[in-house]
Amino acid sequence: MDGSTLSDLEQRILEFERSWWRYAGAKESSIKELFDLTPPRYYQLLNDLIDREDALLASPMLVKRLRRLRQARTSARSAR
């Protein structure tokens, strides 16, 4: 992620999203432990982050995947 304008926290969030399944326990527990954030706040930060061009440049495959997942969830909610 060299040359990006991402903060240390933002870089750690992207890395966690890339590899969170490696952490034991539920994702929400890991979020609290690793970031000292509530899960809703973490997801607010993540959603803002994946809309940013510097995040896309830093980790294009991950950001595109996260955007697709978000769009699928939004579409599923709209279809109800």
C-alpha atoms as a PDB file:
ATOM      1  CA  MET A   1       0.000   0.000   0.000  1.00  0.00           C
ATOM      2  CA  ASP A   2       2.972   2.302  -0.522  1.00  0.00           C
ATOM      3  CA  GLY A   3       2.305   5.800  -1.788  1.00  0.00           C
ATOM      4  CA  SER A   4      -1.269   5.892  -0.541  1.00  0.00           C
ATOM      5  CA  THR A   5      -2.825   8.573   1.594  1.00  0.00           C
ATOM      6  CA  LEU A   6      -4.531   6.016   3.791  1.00  0.00           C
ATOM      7  CA  SER A   7      -4.070   6.336   7.528  1.00  0.00           C
ATOM      8  CA  ASP A   8      -2.626   3.506   9.558  1.00  0.00           C
ATOM      9  CA  LEU A   9      -6.121   2.607  10.796  1.00  0.00           C
ATOM     10  CA  GLU A  10      -7.494   2.566   7.243  1.00  0.00           C
ATOM     11  CA  GLN A  11      -4.667   0.330   6.067  1.00  0.00           C
ATOM     12  CA  ARG A  12      -5.292  -2.010   9.003  1.00  0.00           C
ATOM     13  CA  ILE A  13      -9.010  -2.140   8.182  1.00  0.00           C
ATOM     14  CA  LEU A  14      -8.268  -3.148   4.589  1.00  0.00           C
ATOM     15  CA  GLU A  15      -5.790  -5.779   5.754  1.00  0.00           C
ATOM     16  CA  PHE A  16      -8.323  -7.131   8.248  1.00  0.00           C
ATOM     17  CA  GLU A  17     -10.987  -7.372   5.536  1.00  0.00           C
ATOM     18  CA  ARG A  18      -8.497  -9.225   3.363  1.00  0.00           C
ATOM     19  CA  SER A  19      -7.754 -11.804   6.041  1.00  0.00           C
ATOM     20  CA  TRP A  20     -10.324 -11.636   8.862  1.00  0.00           C
ATOM     21  CA  TRP A  21     -11.233 -15.310   8.480  1.00  0.00           C
ATOM     22  CA  ARG A  22      -7.794 -16.140   9.912  1.00  0.00           C
ATOM     23  CA  TYR A  23      -8.768 -14.729  13.296  1.00  0.00           C
ATOM     24  CA  ALA A  24     -10.340 -17.066  15.813  1.00  0.00           C
ATOM     25  CA  GLY A  25     -13.895 -16.309  16.899  1.00  0.00           C
ATOM     26  CA  ALA A  26     -16.554 -14.129  15.434  1.00  0.00           C
ATOM     27  CA  LYS A  27     -15.632 -11.217  13.202  1.00  0.00           C
ATOM     28  CA  GLU A  28     -17.349  -8.732  15.526  1.00  0.00           C
ATOM     29  CA  SER A  29     -15.263  -9.892  18.495  1.00  0.00           C
ATOM     30  CA  SER A  30     -12.092  -9.478  16.465  1.00  0.00           C
ATOM     31  CA  ILE A  31     -13.171  -5.973  15.429  1.00  0.00           C
ATOM     32  CA  LYS A  32     -13.591  -4.944  19.064  1.00  0.00           C
ATOM     33  CA  GLU A  33     -10.305  -6.543  20.087  1.00  0.00           C
ATOM     34  CA  LEU A  34      -8.121  -5.325  17.210  1.00  0.00           C
ATOM     35  CA  PHE A  35      -9.566  -1.869  16.573  1.00  0.00           C
ATOM     36  CA  ASP A  36     -11.295  -0.929  19.834  1.00  0.00           C
ATOM     37  CA  LEU A  37     -14.342   0.029  17.759  1.00  0.00           C
ATOM     38  CA  THR A  38     -17.934  -1.088  17.919  1.00  0.00           C
ATOM     39  CA  PRO A  39     -18.949  -3.155  14.886  1.00  0.00           C
ATOM     40  CA  PRO A  40     -21.366  -0.431  13.629  1.00  0.00           C
ATOM     41  CA  ARG A  41     -18.592   2.187  13.763  1.00  0.00           C
ATOM     42  CA  TYR A  42     -16.154  -0.169  12.047  1.00  0.00           C
ATOM     43  CA  TYR A  43     -18.616  -0.766   9.217  1.00  0.00           C
ATOM     44  CA  GLN A  44     -19.253   2.986   8.880  1.00  0.00           C
ATOM     45  CA  LEU A  45     -15.527   3.528   8.449  1.00  0.00           C
ATOM     46  CA  LEU A  46     -15.239   0.596   6.046  1.00  0.00           C
ATOM     47  CA  ASN A  47     -18.125   1.818   3.881  1.00  0.00           C
ATOM     48  CA  ASP A  48     -16.627   5.298   3.661  1.00  0.00           C
ATOM     49  CA  LEU A  49     -13.215   3.815   2.951  1.00  0.00           C
ATOM     50  CA  ILE A  50     -14.248   1.607   0.028  1.00  0.00           C
ATOM     51  CA  ASP A  51     -15.774   4.629  -1.733  1.00  0.00           C
ATOM     52  CA  ARG A  52     -12.408   6.374  -1.808  1.00  0.00           C
ATOM     53  CA  GLU A  53     -10.104   6.368  -4.808  1.00  0.00           C
ATOM     54  CA  ASP A  54      -6.965   6.003  -2.676  1.00  0.00           C
ATOM     55  CA  ALA A  55      -8.357   2.799  -1.149  1.00  0.00           C
ATOM     56  CA  LEU A  56      -9.109   1.484  -4.636  1.00  0.00           C
ATOM     57  CA  LEU A  57      -5.561   2.281  -5.726  1.00  0.00           C
ATOM     58  CA  ALA A  58      -4.092   0.687  -2.595  1.00  0.00           C
ATOM     59  CA  SER A  59      -6.060  -2.554  -2.850  1.00  0.00           C
ATOM     60  CA  PRO A  60      -8.092  -2.753  -6.075  1.00  0.00           C
ATOM     61  CA  MET A  61      -9.261  -6.366  -5.934  1.00  0.00           C
ATOM     62  CA  LEU A  62     -10.347  -6.157  -2.306  1.00  0.00           C
ATOM     63  CA  VAL A  63     -12.137  -2.819  -2.676  1.00  0.00           C
ATOM     64  CA  LYS A  64     -13.964  -3.982  -5.808  1.00  0.00           C
ATOM     65  CA  ARG A  65     -15.036  -7.178  -4.025  1.00  0.00           C
ATOM     66  CA  LEU A  66     -16.267  -5.238  -0.996  1.00  0.00           C
ATOM     67  CA  ARG A  67     -18.179  -2.839  -3.261  1.00  0.00           C
ATOM     68  CA  ARG A  68     -19.842  -5.780  -5.041  1.00  0.00           C
ATOM     69  CA  LEU A  69     -20.825  -7.357  -1.724  1.00  0.00           C
ATOM     70  CA  ARG A  70     -22.270  -4.070  -0.496  1.00  0.00           C
ATOM     71  CA  GLN A  71     -24.227  -3.624  -3.725  1.00  0.00           C
ATOM     72  CA  ALA A  72     -25.597  -7.172  -3.473  1.00  0.00           C
ATOM     73  CA  ARG A  73     -26.767  -6.530   0.110  1.00  0.00           C
ATOM     74  CA  THR A  74     -28.361  -3.237  -0.914  1.00  0.00           C
ATOM     75  CA  SER A  75     -30.123  -4.890  -3.855  1.00  0.00           C
ATOM     76  CA  ALA A  76     -31.364  -7.733  -1.661  1.00  0.00           C
ATOM     77  CA  ARG A  77     -32.811  -5.238   0.840  1.00  0.00           C
ATOM     78  CA  SER A  78     -34.489  -3.270  -1.950  1.00  0.00           C
ATOM     79  CA  ALA A  79     -36.098  -6.412  -3.355  1.00  0.00           C
ATOM     80  CA  ARG A  80     -37.938  -7.171  -0.105  1.00  0.00           C
END
